N, C-alpha and C. Protein backbone atom coordinates (compact mmCIF):
# COMPACT_ATOMS: atom_id res chain seq x y z
N MET A 1 104.04 16.01 139.44
CA MET A 1 104.93 16.05 138.02
C MET A 1 104.67 14.72 137.19
N LEU A 2 104.60 13.90 137.22
CA LEU A 2 103.73 12.59 137.04
C LEU A 2 103.47 12.95 135.73
N LYS A 3 102.20 13.80 136.62
CA LYS A 3 100.75 13.93 135.66
C LYS A 3 100.97 14.42 134.54
N THR A 4 102.19 15.27 134.66
CA THR A 4 102.57 16.32 133.60
C THR A 4 103.00 15.20 132.45
N LYS A 5 104.19 14.70 132.77
CA LYS A 5 105.17 13.14 131.87
C LYS A 5 104.16 12.93 131.53
N LEU A 6 103.38 12.18 132.09
CA LEU A 6 102.15 11.10 131.83
C LEU A 6 101.42 11.81 130.76
N ALA A 7 101.19 13.50 130.69
CA ALA A 7 100.29 13.92 129.90
C ALA A 7 101.31 14.25 128.72
N VAL A 8 102.12 14.49 128.63
CA VAL A 8 103.40 15.07 127.56
C VAL A 8 103.21 13.81 126.13
N THR A 9 103.49 12.83 127.57
CA THR A 9 103.88 11.26 126.89
C THR A 9 102.26 11.09 125.48
N LEU A 10 101.56 11.04 126.32
CA LEU A 10 100.55 10.71 125.37
C LEU A 10 99.83 12.20 124.42
N LEU A 11 100.32 12.57 124.39
CA LEU A 11 100.53 14.15 123.41
C LEU A 11 101.22 13.51 122.45
N LEU A 12 102.03 13.23 123.11
CA LEU A 12 103.28 12.57 121.65
C LEU A 12 102.50 11.48 120.99
N GLY A 13 102.76 10.43 122.05
CA GLY A 13 101.70 9.49 121.53
C GLY A 13 100.71 9.97 120.04
N ALA A 14 99.98 10.43 120.54
CA ALA A 14 98.83 11.00 120.04
C ALA A 14 99.15 11.38 118.40
N SER A 15 100.09 12.75 118.50
CA SER A 15 100.97 13.32 117.87
C SER A 15 101.82 12.05 116.57
N LEU A 16 102.28 11.24 116.91
CA LEU A 16 102.72 10.38 116.02
C LEU A 16 101.72 8.97 115.43
N SER A 17 100.78 8.85 116.27
CA SER A 17 99.79 8.29 116.34
C SER A 17 99.16 8.66 114.73
N ALA A 18 98.60 10.26 115.00
CA ALA A 18 98.46 11.64 113.48
C ALA A 18 98.74 11.15 112.36
N GLN A 19 100.11 11.20 112.52
CA GLN A 19 101.36 11.63 111.31
C GLN A 19 101.26 9.96 110.92
N ALA A 20 101.25 9.06 111.31
CA ALA A 20 101.03 7.74 111.12
C ALA A 20 100.38 7.00 109.92
N GLU A 21 99.22 7.99 110.04
CA GLU A 21 97.90 7.48 109.56
C GLU A 21 97.57 8.77 108.15
N MET A 22 98.56 9.78 107.63
CA MET A 22 98.37 10.84 106.80
C MET A 22 98.88 10.06 105.83
N THR A 23 97.74 10.82 104.85
CA THR A 23 97.77 9.82 103.67
C THR A 23 98.21 11.48 102.18
N SER A 24 98.30 11.03 100.96
CA SER A 24 98.55 11.92 99.92
C SER A 24 97.29 12.48 99.34
N MET A 25 97.27 13.86 99.02
CA MET A 25 95.75 13.76 98.97
C MET A 25 95.90 14.31 97.24
N ALA A 26 94.74 13.93 96.09
CA ALA A 26 94.97 14.39 95.35
C ALA A 26 94.20 15.89 94.75
N GLU A 27 95.15 16.03 93.50
CA GLU A 27 94.85 17.21 93.33
C GLU A 27 93.51 18.16 93.17
N GLN A 28 92.49 17.60 92.46
CA GLN A 28 91.15 17.87 92.91
C GLN A 28 90.39 17.78 94.47
N GLU A 29 90.88 16.69 95.40
CA GLU A 29 90.79 17.09 96.40
C GLU A 29 91.36 18.41 97.36
N MET A 30 92.43 19.00 96.98
CA MET A 30 93.00 20.06 97.15
C MET A 30 92.35 21.55 96.94
N SER A 31 91.88 21.05 95.38
CA SER A 31 91.25 22.09 95.19
C SER A 31 90.27 22.65 95.74
N ASP A 32 89.47 21.36 96.50
CA ASP A 32 88.22 21.34 97.32
C ASP A 32 88.22 21.92 98.79
N VAL A 33 89.41 22.07 99.29
CA VAL A 33 89.35 22.38 100.36
C VAL A 33 89.88 24.07 100.50
N SER A 34 88.72 24.65 101.76
CA SER A 34 89.52 25.79 101.77
C SER A 34 89.37 26.14 103.23
N GLY A 35 90.08 27.40 103.89
CA GLY A 35 90.17 27.84 105.06
C GLY A 35 90.22 28.81 104.85
N GLN A 36 90.66 29.27 106.25
CA GLN A 36 91.08 31.11 106.49
C GLN A 36 91.77 30.95 107.69
N GLY A 37 93.26 32.30 107.94
CA GLY A 37 94.12 32.29 108.59
C GLY A 37 94.44 33.38 109.34
N GLY A 38 94.72 33.92 110.00
CA GLY A 38 95.28 34.91 110.80
C GLY A 38 96.59 34.78 111.42
N VAL A 39 97.20 36.55 111.80
CA VAL A 39 98.12 36.56 112.91
C VAL A 39 97.87 37.39 113.80
N TYR A 40 98.31 37.75 115.02
CA TYR A 40 98.48 38.38 116.26
C TYR A 40 99.65 38.55 116.07
N LEU A 41 99.93 39.77 116.15
CA LEU A 41 101.30 40.26 116.23
C LEU A 41 101.19 41.72 117.49
N SER A 42 102.51 41.23 118.48
CA SER A 42 102.67 42.15 119.95
C SER A 42 104.43 42.62 119.99
N GLY A 43 104.32 43.57 119.59
CA GLY A 43 106.09 43.99 119.58
C GLY A 43 106.35 45.47 120.41
N GLU A 44 108.16 45.70 120.17
CA GLU A 44 108.43 46.43 120.79
C GLU A 44 109.48 46.55 120.64
N PHE A 45 109.35 48.02 119.77
CA PHE A 45 110.87 48.54 119.03
C PHE A 45 111.37 50.11 119.90
N ALA A 46 113.22 49.90 119.71
CA ALA A 46 113.23 50.62 120.71
C ALA A 46 114.55 51.03 119.42
N ILE A 47 114.99 52.05 119.18
CA ILE A 47 115.71 52.97 118.02
C ILE A 47 116.81 53.72 118.40
N ASN A 48 117.96 53.20 118.02
CA ASN A 48 118.94 54.12 119.38
C ASN A 48 118.79 54.63 120.10
N LYS A 49 118.36 54.08 120.85
CA LYS A 49 118.30 54.88 122.37
C LYS A 49 119.23 55.33 123.13
N ASP A 50 119.93 54.42 122.63
CA ASP A 50 121.29 55.19 124.15
C ASP A 50 122.70 56.44 122.40
N GLY A 51 121.46 55.74 121.49
CA GLY A 51 122.49 57.08 120.89
C GLY A 51 123.50 56.12 119.54
N GLY A 52 123.62 56.79 118.44
CA GLY A 52 123.88 56.39 117.38
C GLY A 52 125.59 56.03 117.60
N PRO A 53 126.49 55.05 116.82
CA PRO A 53 127.37 54.60 117.02
C PRO A 53 128.81 55.87 116.24
N LEU A 54 127.70 56.37 115.60
CA LEU A 54 128.92 57.29 114.85
C LEU A 54 128.88 58.27 115.99
N TRP A 55 128.01 58.74 116.68
CA TRP A 55 127.88 60.09 117.30
C TRP A 55 127.30 60.01 118.54
N GLU A 56 128.96 59.16 119.38
CA GLU A 56 128.76 58.59 121.22
C GLU A 56 128.68 60.15 121.85
N ASN A 57 129.67 61.13 121.23
CA ASN A 57 129.40 61.73 122.02
C ASN A 57 128.45 63.16 122.36
N GLY A 58 127.36 62.84 120.88
CA GLY A 58 126.17 63.50 121.11
C GLY A 58 126.35 64.67 120.42
N GLU A 59 127.47 64.42 119.59
CA GLU A 59 127.61 65.74 118.63
C GLU A 59 128.18 65.61 117.04
N ARG A 60 127.60 65.63 115.99
CA ARG A 60 127.94 65.07 114.86
C ARG A 60 128.61 66.31 114.12
N TYR A 61 129.68 65.97 113.09
CA TYR A 61 130.38 67.06 112.59
C TYR A 61 130.03 67.37 111.18
N ARG A 62 130.32 68.76 110.91
CA ARG A 62 130.73 69.25 109.40
C ARG A 62 131.61 69.19 109.33
N TYR A 63 132.10 69.29 107.98
CA TYR A 63 133.34 69.29 107.47
C TYR A 63 133.66 70.33 106.56
N THR A 64 134.80 70.24 105.77
CA THR A 64 135.11 71.14 104.72
C THR A 64 135.95 70.00 103.75
N ARG A 65 135.90 70.09 102.42
CA ARG A 65 137.01 69.18 101.52
C ARG A 65 138.06 69.97 100.89
N ASP A 66 138.96 69.69 100.75
CA ASP A 66 140.07 70.53 100.42
C ASP A 66 140.32 69.78 99.09
N ALA A 67 141.71 70.27 98.35
CA ALA A 67 141.72 70.30 96.59
C ALA A 67 141.80 68.54 96.86
N ASN A 68 142.53 68.00 97.67
CA ASN A 68 142.57 66.82 97.46
C ASN A 68 141.63 65.17 97.84
N GLY A 69 140.47 66.18 98.23
CA GLY A 69 139.65 65.84 98.98
C GLY A 69 139.14 65.52 100.18
N ASN A 70 140.28 65.57 100.63
CA ASN A 70 140.61 65.30 102.61
C ASN A 70 139.61 65.65 103.44
N LEU A 71 138.82 65.45 103.82
CA LEU A 71 138.18 66.31 105.23
C LEU A 71 138.41 66.27 106.20
N THR A 72 138.26 68.07 106.52
CA THR A 72 138.68 68.81 108.00
C THR A 72 137.44 68.76 108.27
N PRO A 73 137.12 68.43 110.04
CA PRO A 73 136.19 68.77 110.84
C PRO A 73 136.21 70.63 111.07
N VAL A 74 134.84 70.99 111.14
CA VAL A 74 134.87 72.22 111.39
C VAL A 74 133.69 73.35 112.02
N GLN A 75 132.79 71.91 112.14
CA GLN A 75 131.86 72.33 113.41
C GLN A 75 131.77 71.75 113.98
N THR A 76 130.49 71.24 115.15
CA THR A 76 129.81 70.36 115.91
C THR A 76 128.57 70.44 115.92
N ASP A 77 127.20 70.11 115.73
CA ASP A 77 126.05 70.43 115.91
C ASP A 77 125.65 69.41 117.07
N ALA A 78 125.21 70.01 118.18
CA ALA A 78 124.67 68.73 119.20
C ALA A 78 123.31 68.75 119.11
N CYS A 79 123.29 67.26 119.51
CA CYS A 79 122.27 66.69 119.37
C CYS A 79 121.47 66.49 120.89
N ASP A 80 119.90 66.43 120.38
CA ASP A 80 119.14 66.74 121.85
C ASP A 80 119.13 65.68 122.56
N ASN A 81 119.96 66.11 124.35
CA ASN A 81 120.05 65.67 124.95
C ASN A 81 120.99 64.94 125.19
N GLY A 82 122.13 64.94 124.14
CA GLY A 82 122.99 64.30 124.39
C GLY A 82 122.67 62.73 123.07
N VAL A 83 122.14 62.92 122.83
CA VAL A 83 121.88 61.66 121.91
C VAL A 83 121.41 61.68 120.56
N CYS A 84 122.59 61.43 119.42
CA CYS A 84 122.09 61.28 118.22
C CYS A 84 120.89 60.16 117.56
N GLY A 85 120.58 60.56 116.54
CA GLY A 85 119.24 59.22 116.34
C GLY A 85 119.99 58.50 115.02
N LEU A 86 118.82 57.85 114.45
CA LEU A 86 119.57 57.71 113.40
C LEU A 86 119.18 58.30 112.13
N ARG A 87 120.06 58.29 111.02
CA ARG A 87 119.69 59.05 110.32
C ARG A 87 119.59 57.77 109.05
N PHE A 88 118.23 58.50 108.20
CA PHE A 88 117.72 57.31 106.72
C PHE A 88 117.77 58.33 105.90
N ALA A 89 118.45 58.06 105.00
CA ALA A 89 118.48 59.01 103.68
C ALA A 89 118.43 58.11 102.21
N ILE A 90 117.35 58.90 101.15
CA ILE A 90 117.22 58.16 100.22
C ILE A 90 117.03 59.09 99.27
N LYS A 91 117.67 58.66 98.04
CA LYS A 91 117.20 59.80 96.92
C LYS A 91 116.78 58.56 95.28
N LEU A 92 115.91 59.79 95.21
CA LEU A 92 114.97 59.19 94.36
C LEU A 92 115.24 58.56 93.11
N ASN A 93 116.42 58.83 92.76
CA ASN A 93 116.75 58.71 91.43
C ASN A 93 118.74 59.74 91.02
N GLU A 94 118.85 59.00 90.06
CA GLU A 94 120.62 59.38 90.04
C GLU A 94 120.98 60.71 89.78
N SER A 95 120.12 61.22 88.75
CA SER A 95 119.60 62.73 88.09
C SER A 95 119.00 64.20 89.89
N SER A 96 118.52 62.88 90.69
CA SER A 96 118.20 64.41 91.66
C SER A 96 118.95 64.55 92.35
N GLU A 97 118.63 66.00 92.56
CA GLU A 97 119.88 66.82 92.94
C GLU A 97 119.83 66.78 94.56
N GLY A 98 118.93 66.37 95.18
CA GLY A 98 118.64 66.49 96.93
C GLY A 98 118.24 64.78 97.53
N TRP A 99 118.21 65.52 99.00
CA TRP A 99 117.77 64.00 99.15
C TRP A 99 116.96 63.70 100.52
N TYR A 100 115.77 63.10 100.43
CA TYR A 100 114.80 63.50 101.15
C TYR A 100 115.44 62.42 102.42
N VAL A 101 115.25 63.18 104.38
CA VAL A 101 115.77 62.61 104.97
C VAL A 101 115.21 62.80 106.25
N LEU A 102 114.99 61.12 107.05
CA LEU A 102 114.55 61.41 108.25
C LEU A 102 115.81 61.07 109.28
N ASP A 103 115.91 62.28 110.10
CA ASP A 103 117.11 62.40 110.86
C ASP A 103 117.03 62.40 112.15
N ASP A 104 117.68 62.36 113.50
CA ASP A 104 117.71 61.84 114.16
C ASP A 104 116.22 61.04 115.03
N LEU A 105 116.50 60.02 114.34
CA LEU A 105 115.15 59.47 114.67
C LEU A 105 116.00 58.65 115.58
N SER A 106 115.32 58.40 116.71
CA SER A 106 115.10 57.61 117.88
C SER A 106 113.89 57.58 119.49
N GLY A 107 114.03 56.53 119.87
CA GLY A 107 113.34 56.60 121.50
C GLY A 107 112.20 54.68 121.17
N GLY A 108 111.29 54.45 121.05
CA GLY A 108 110.81 53.16 120.91
C GLY A 108 109.15 53.27 121.26
N PHE A 109 108.65 52.13 120.59
CA PHE A 109 106.95 52.60 120.87
C PHE A 109 106.56 50.72 120.86
N ALA A 110 105.87 50.67 121.47
CA ALA A 110 105.19 49.24 121.16
C ALA A 110 103.73 49.38 121.39
N PHE A 111 103.16 47.96 120.73
CA PHE A 111 101.96 47.73 120.36
C PHE A 111 101.38 46.38 120.67
N GLU A 112 100.24 45.80 120.89
CA GLU A 112 99.83 44.77 121.02
C GLU A 112 98.36 44.76 120.12
N GLY A 113 98.25 43.93 119.27
CA GLY A 113 97.04 43.56 118.71
C GLY A 113 97.00 43.89 117.35
N LEU A 114 97.79 43.47 116.80
CA LEU A 114 98.54 44.45 114.64
C LEU A 114 97.89 42.72 114.74
N THR A 115 96.74 42.33 113.40
CA THR A 115 96.39 41.62 112.85
C THR A 115 96.33 41.57 111.82
N LEU A 116 96.99 40.31 111.43
CA LEU A 116 96.96 39.76 109.21
C LEU A 116 96.42 38.84 109.25
N ARG A 117 95.26 38.96 108.62
CA ARG A 117 94.64 37.70 107.48
C ARG A 117 93.99 38.08 106.41
N THR A 118 93.06 37.47 105.66
CA THR A 118 93.21 37.65 104.40
C THR A 118 91.36 37.41 104.17
N LYS A 119 90.58 37.84 103.60
CA LYS A 119 89.43 37.90 102.94
C LYS A 119 89.13 38.37 101.62
N PRO A 120 87.92 37.74 101.41
CA PRO A 120 87.42 37.79 99.99
C PRO A 120 86.99 39.19 99.83
N ALA A 121 87.70 39.68 98.75
CA ALA A 121 87.28 41.34 98.48
C ALA A 121 85.94 42.02 98.33
N GLY A 122 85.09 40.99 97.95
CA GLY A 122 84.05 41.49 97.83
C GLY A 122 84.00 42.75 96.58
N GLU A 123 82.76 43.67 97.12
CA GLU A 123 82.40 44.80 96.28
C GLU A 123 83.60 46.02 96.82
N VAL A 124 84.10 46.64 95.42
CA VAL A 124 85.49 47.72 96.22
C VAL A 124 84.65 49.37 95.12
N MET A 125 85.23 50.02 95.75
CA MET A 125 85.61 50.97 94.99
C MET A 125 86.29 51.08 93.43
N ASN A 126 85.87 51.23 92.27
CA ASN A 126 86.83 51.47 91.35
C ASN A 126 86.93 52.92 91.23
N TYR A 127 88.27 53.41 91.50
CA TYR A 127 88.10 55.24 91.56
C TYR A 127 88.66 55.41 90.24
N ASP A 128 89.20 54.43 89.14
CA ASP A 128 89.64 54.28 87.83
C ASP A 128 88.59 53.83 86.51
N TYR A 129 87.55 53.81 86.57
CA TYR A 129 86.96 54.00 86.08
C TYR A 129 86.57 54.72 85.49
N MET A 130 86.41 54.88 84.15
CA MET A 130 85.87 55.96 82.56
C MET A 130 84.66 55.23 81.82
N PRO A 131 83.69 55.61 82.19
CA PRO A 131 82.29 55.05 80.35
C PRO A 131 82.94 55.55 79.17
N ALA A 132 82.43 53.98 78.60
CA ALA A 132 83.41 54.45 77.41
C ALA A 132 82.93 55.42 76.45
N GLY A 133 83.51 56.40 75.95
CA GLY A 133 83.49 57.50 75.24
C GLY A 133 83.06 59.18 76.56
N SER A 134 83.80 58.93 77.57
CA SER A 134 84.03 59.81 78.64
C SER A 134 85.41 60.08 78.65
N THR A 135 85.77 61.42 79.29
CA THR A 135 86.94 61.72 79.60
C THR A 135 87.58 62.02 81.45
N THR A 136 86.16 61.81 81.47
CA THR A 136 86.23 61.86 82.58
C THR A 136 85.31 60.51 84.11
N TYR A 137 86.32 60.25 85.18
CA TYR A 137 86.47 58.91 85.78
C TYR A 137 85.36 59.30 86.77
N GLU A 138 84.44 58.39 86.42
CA GLU A 138 83.35 57.92 87.34
C GLU A 138 83.21 56.42 88.24
N PRO A 139 83.87 57.24 89.31
CA PRO A 139 83.84 55.33 90.47
C PRO A 139 82.74 54.90 90.39
N ARG A 140 82.56 53.56 90.96
CA ARG A 140 81.51 53.08 90.94
C ARG A 140 82.04 52.05 91.84
N LEU A 141 81.27 51.13 92.12
CA LEU A 141 81.35 49.57 93.10
C LEU A 141 81.36 48.56 92.00
N GLU A 142 82.61 47.47 92.42
CA GLU A 142 82.30 46.40 91.65
C GLU A 142 82.86 45.29 91.88
N ASN A 143 81.84 44.19 91.90
CA ASN A 143 82.63 43.03 92.67
C ASN A 143 83.77 42.55 92.22
N VAL A 144 84.60 42.23 92.95
CA VAL A 144 86.55 41.40 92.56
C VAL A 144 86.61 39.99 93.22
N ASP A 145 86.92 39.35 92.80
CA ASP A 145 86.74 37.76 92.98
C ASP A 145 88.37 37.57 94.51
N ASP A 146 89.26 38.18 93.70
CA ASP A 146 90.38 38.35 94.70
C ASP A 146 90.33 38.78 96.12
N GLU A 147 91.46 37.71 96.53
CA GLU A 147 91.26 38.23 98.66
C GLU A 147 92.30 39.63 98.78
N VAL A 148 91.85 40.44 99.70
CA VAL A 148 92.79 41.49 100.39
C VAL A 148 93.24 40.76 101.08
N VAL A 149 94.37 41.61 101.56
CA VAL A 149 95.06 41.44 103.17
C VAL A 149 94.39 42.52 103.96
N VAL A 150 93.94 42.33 105.06
CA VAL A 150 93.02 42.81 106.10
C VAL A 150 94.36 43.14 107.31
N ILE A 151 94.53 44.24 107.66
CA ILE A 151 95.65 44.33 108.77
C ILE A 151 95.02 45.51 109.95
N GLY A 152 94.58 44.92 110.47
CA GLY A 152 93.77 45.43 112.18
C GLY A 152 94.81 45.91 112.46
N LEU A 153 94.25 47.48 112.80
CA LEU A 153 95.10 48.43 113.41
C LEU A 153 95.32 47.45 115.43
N PRO A 154 96.07 47.66 115.88
CA PRO A 154 96.07 48.16 117.27
C PRO A 154 95.74 48.65 117.79
N GLY A 155 95.14 48.43 119.17
CA GLY A 155 94.08 49.17 120.31
C GLY A 155 94.65 50.71 120.83
N THR A 156 95.84 49.34 121.54
CA THR A 156 96.81 50.97 121.34
C THR A 156 98.17 50.77 121.41
N VAL A 157 98.56 51.83 120.93
CA VAL A 157 100.38 52.29 120.65
C VAL A 157 100.52 53.54 121.72
N SER A 158 101.97 52.47 122.54
CA SER A 158 102.57 53.08 123.03
C SER A 158 103.82 54.20 122.82
N PHE A 159 104.12 55.47 122.92
CA PHE A 159 106.01 56.05 122.56
C PHE A 159 106.40 56.59 123.23
N ASN A 160 107.34 55.70 123.46
CA ASN A 160 108.05 56.81 124.72
C ASN A 160 109.49 57.42 123.90
N ASN A 161 109.40 58.72 124.16
CA ASN A 161 110.25 59.71 123.90
C ASN A 161 110.48 59.32 122.24
N PHE A 162 109.21 59.06 120.88
CA PHE A 162 110.02 58.61 120.18
C PHE A 162 109.79 59.86 119.24
N LYS A 163 111.06 60.39 118.61
CA LYS A 163 111.20 61.57 117.77
C LYS A 163 111.79 61.42 116.21
N PHE A 164 111.66 62.43 115.56
CA PHE A 164 111.83 62.34 114.20
C PHE A 164 112.12 63.86 113.67
N LYS A 165 112.94 64.01 112.43
CA LYS A 165 112.81 65.62 111.52
C LYS A 165 113.08 64.77 110.25
N TYR A 166 112.11 65.40 109.60
CA TYR A 166 111.81 65.28 108.04
C TYR A 166 112.29 66.53 107.47
N ALA A 167 113.29 65.90 106.85
CA ALA A 167 114.19 67.86 106.34
C ALA A 167 114.30 66.98 104.58
N ILE A 168 115.57 67.67 103.87
CA ILE A 168 115.70 67.66 102.55
C ILE A 168 117.27 68.28 102.53
N ALA A 169 118.11 67.34 102.47
CA ALA A 169 119.89 67.87 102.00
C ALA A 169 120.68 67.79 100.75
N ASN A 170 121.31 67.96 101.13
CA ASN A 170 122.06 67.90 99.11
C ASN A 170 123.07 66.90 99.27
N ASN A 171 123.33 65.83 100.42
CA ASN A 171 123.89 64.70 100.47
C ASN A 171 123.22 64.15 101.50
N GLY A 172 123.25 62.93 101.27
CA GLY A 172 122.99 61.81 102.56
C GLY A 172 123.55 61.43 103.77
N GLU A 173 124.85 61.90 103.82
CA GLU A 173 126.12 61.65 104.95
C GLU A 173 125.77 63.33 105.18
N TYR A 174 125.51 63.56 107.01
CA TYR A 174 125.18 63.78 107.75
C TYR A 174 127.19 64.69 108.00
N GLY A 175 126.58 66.50 107.14
CA GLY A 175 127.97 67.33 107.21
C GLY A 175 128.79 66.95 106.33
N VAL A 176 128.67 66.66 105.50
CA VAL A 176 129.81 65.90 104.60
C VAL A 176 129.73 66.85 103.26
N PRO A 177 130.77 67.75 103.02
CA PRO A 177 130.30 68.25 101.32
C PRO A 177 130.32 67.31 100.21
N LEU A 178 130.10 68.30 99.58
CA LEU A 178 129.58 67.39 97.78
C LEU A 178 130.89 67.44 97.40
N ALA A 179 131.92 66.48 96.48
CA ALA A 179 132.52 65.76 95.63
C ALA A 179 133.41 67.38 95.39
N ASP A 180 132.37 68.40 94.22
CA ASP A 180 132.91 69.37 94.31
C ASP A 180 132.88 70.75 95.24
N GLY A 181 133.42 70.29 96.62
CA GLY A 181 133.35 71.48 97.63
C GLY A 181 132.09 71.78 98.03
N THR A 182 130.99 71.42 97.29
CA THR A 182 129.81 72.46 98.04
C THR A 182 129.64 71.83 99.55
N PRO A 183 129.40 73.09 100.10
CA PRO A 183 128.88 72.86 101.86
C PRO A 183 127.99 72.28 101.66
N PHE A 184 127.92 71.25 102.74
CA PHE A 184 126.92 70.59 103.29
C PHE A 184 125.84 71.81 103.63
N ARG A 185 124.40 71.47 102.86
CA ARG A 185 123.27 71.63 103.65
C ARG A 185 122.01 70.60 103.81
N GLN A 186 121.13 71.24 104.65
CA GLN A 186 120.52 70.62 104.99
C GLN A 186 118.99 71.40 105.90
N THR A 187 117.75 70.93 105.66
CA THR A 187 116.80 71.72 105.95
C THR A 187 115.56 70.85 106.27
N ASP A 188 115.37 71.70 107.39
CA ASP A 188 114.82 70.82 108.50
C ASP A 188 113.39 71.47 108.06
N ILE A 189 112.15 70.27 107.86
CA ILE A 189 111.25 70.67 106.83
C ILE A 189 110.51 70.14 108.42
N ILE A 190 110.11 69.68 109.08
CA ILE A 190 108.81 69.02 110.59
C ILE A 190 109.84 68.36 111.69
N GLY A 191 109.41 68.44 112.37
CA GLY A 191 109.95 67.68 114.01
C GLY A 191 108.80 66.83 114.25
N VAL A 192 108.81 65.89 114.66
CA VAL A 192 107.97 65.00 115.17
C VAL A 192 108.32 64.41 117.02
N GLN A 193 107.45 64.81 117.65
CA GLN A 193 107.51 63.89 119.20
C GLN A 193 106.47 63.62 119.56
N LEU A 194 106.39 61.92 120.10
CA LEU A 194 105.99 61.54 121.19
C LEU A 194 105.68 60.67 122.00
N ASP A 195 105.09 61.09 123.54
CA ASP A 195 105.62 60.80 123.99
C ASP A 195 104.36 60.37 124.89
N GLY A 196 103.38 58.83 125.01
CA GLY A 196 102.13 58.36 125.60
C GLY A 196 101.87 57.99 124.48
N ASP A 197 100.20 57.57 124.84
CA ASP A 197 99.46 56.19 124.08
C ASP A 197 98.66 57.00 123.09
N ILE A 198 98.48 56.27 122.20
CA ILE A 198 97.13 56.78 120.87
C ILE A 198 96.34 56.08 120.72
N THR A 199 95.41 56.08 120.94
CA THR A 199 94.25 55.15 119.85
C THR A 199 94.15 54.59 118.49
N LEU A 200 94.03 53.42 118.09
CA LEU A 200 93.73 53.33 116.96
C LEU A 200 92.67 52.34 116.76
N LYS A 201 91.99 52.56 115.46
CA LYS A 201 90.63 52.05 114.98
C LYS A 201 90.91 51.78 113.71
N GLY A 202 90.32 50.52 113.49
CA GLY A 202 90.05 50.19 112.03
C GLY A 202 90.98 49.31 111.49
N ASN A 203 91.01 48.96 110.04
CA ASN A 203 91.38 48.33 109.20
C ASN A 203 91.67 48.50 107.68
N LEU A 204 93.11 48.35 107.45
CA LEU A 204 93.63 48.98 106.39
C LEU A 204 93.60 47.35 105.63
N LEU A 205 92.80 47.72 104.34
CA LEU A 205 93.35 47.00 103.06
C LEU A 205 94.08 46.69 101.93
N LEU A 206 94.82 46.27 101.79
CA LEU A 206 95.48 46.13 100.50
C LEU A 206 95.30 44.90 99.11
N PHE A 207 94.81 45.69 98.20
CA PHE A 207 94.13 45.05 97.54
C PHE A 207 95.57 45.04 96.23
N PRO A 208 95.01 43.19 96.16
CA PRO A 208 96.23 43.28 94.48
C PRO A 208 96.17 44.40 93.17
N VAL A 209 96.76 44.40 92.48
CA VAL A 209 96.55 45.18 91.53
C VAL A 209 97.54 44.47 90.28
N ASP A 210 97.21 44.86 88.77
CA ASP A 210 97.54 44.44 87.51
C ASP A 210 98.98 45.01 87.49
């Protein structure tokens, strides 16, 4: 215990000494400094593991709307295993008549070894290159001076009953008819359920654009 305290004291003293010797750098000196860093991430996420707050009984309601706009429940839709997941709906613009929906999103996943770093872009493929006088694109390699963000994919991602449905609906709120009384409608396009491990390899590059 005494050795630990002594080591901590020595490290603290060295830190204070280093700070006391710090001096400001001129702008030219700063421009000559280069470095490289990165981030190593691990994490675990659980999404609506015990069901959403709106549907604690494992059921979701569908409603009708009277002439005064009041809602009355007329039907219940049971969720899988009594657990109703998160609902995420998005409308692309005000004139759009429908909503894109990720519905009944629940479960969890964990990963280890997701890395973030930057590196010089170097040679990259320009798919938008069109030679003068031509009407077609001719992709070619070009040297780019900018840096890119490199996302290193984690080796293994573990899923724990992670599931969701991709759907389209006429209202973002589940079961609620439109203001004019049109009943709620939703069409499920695809359902996804993952339970187990998957292996990922490679890097994802993010390039700056004008």
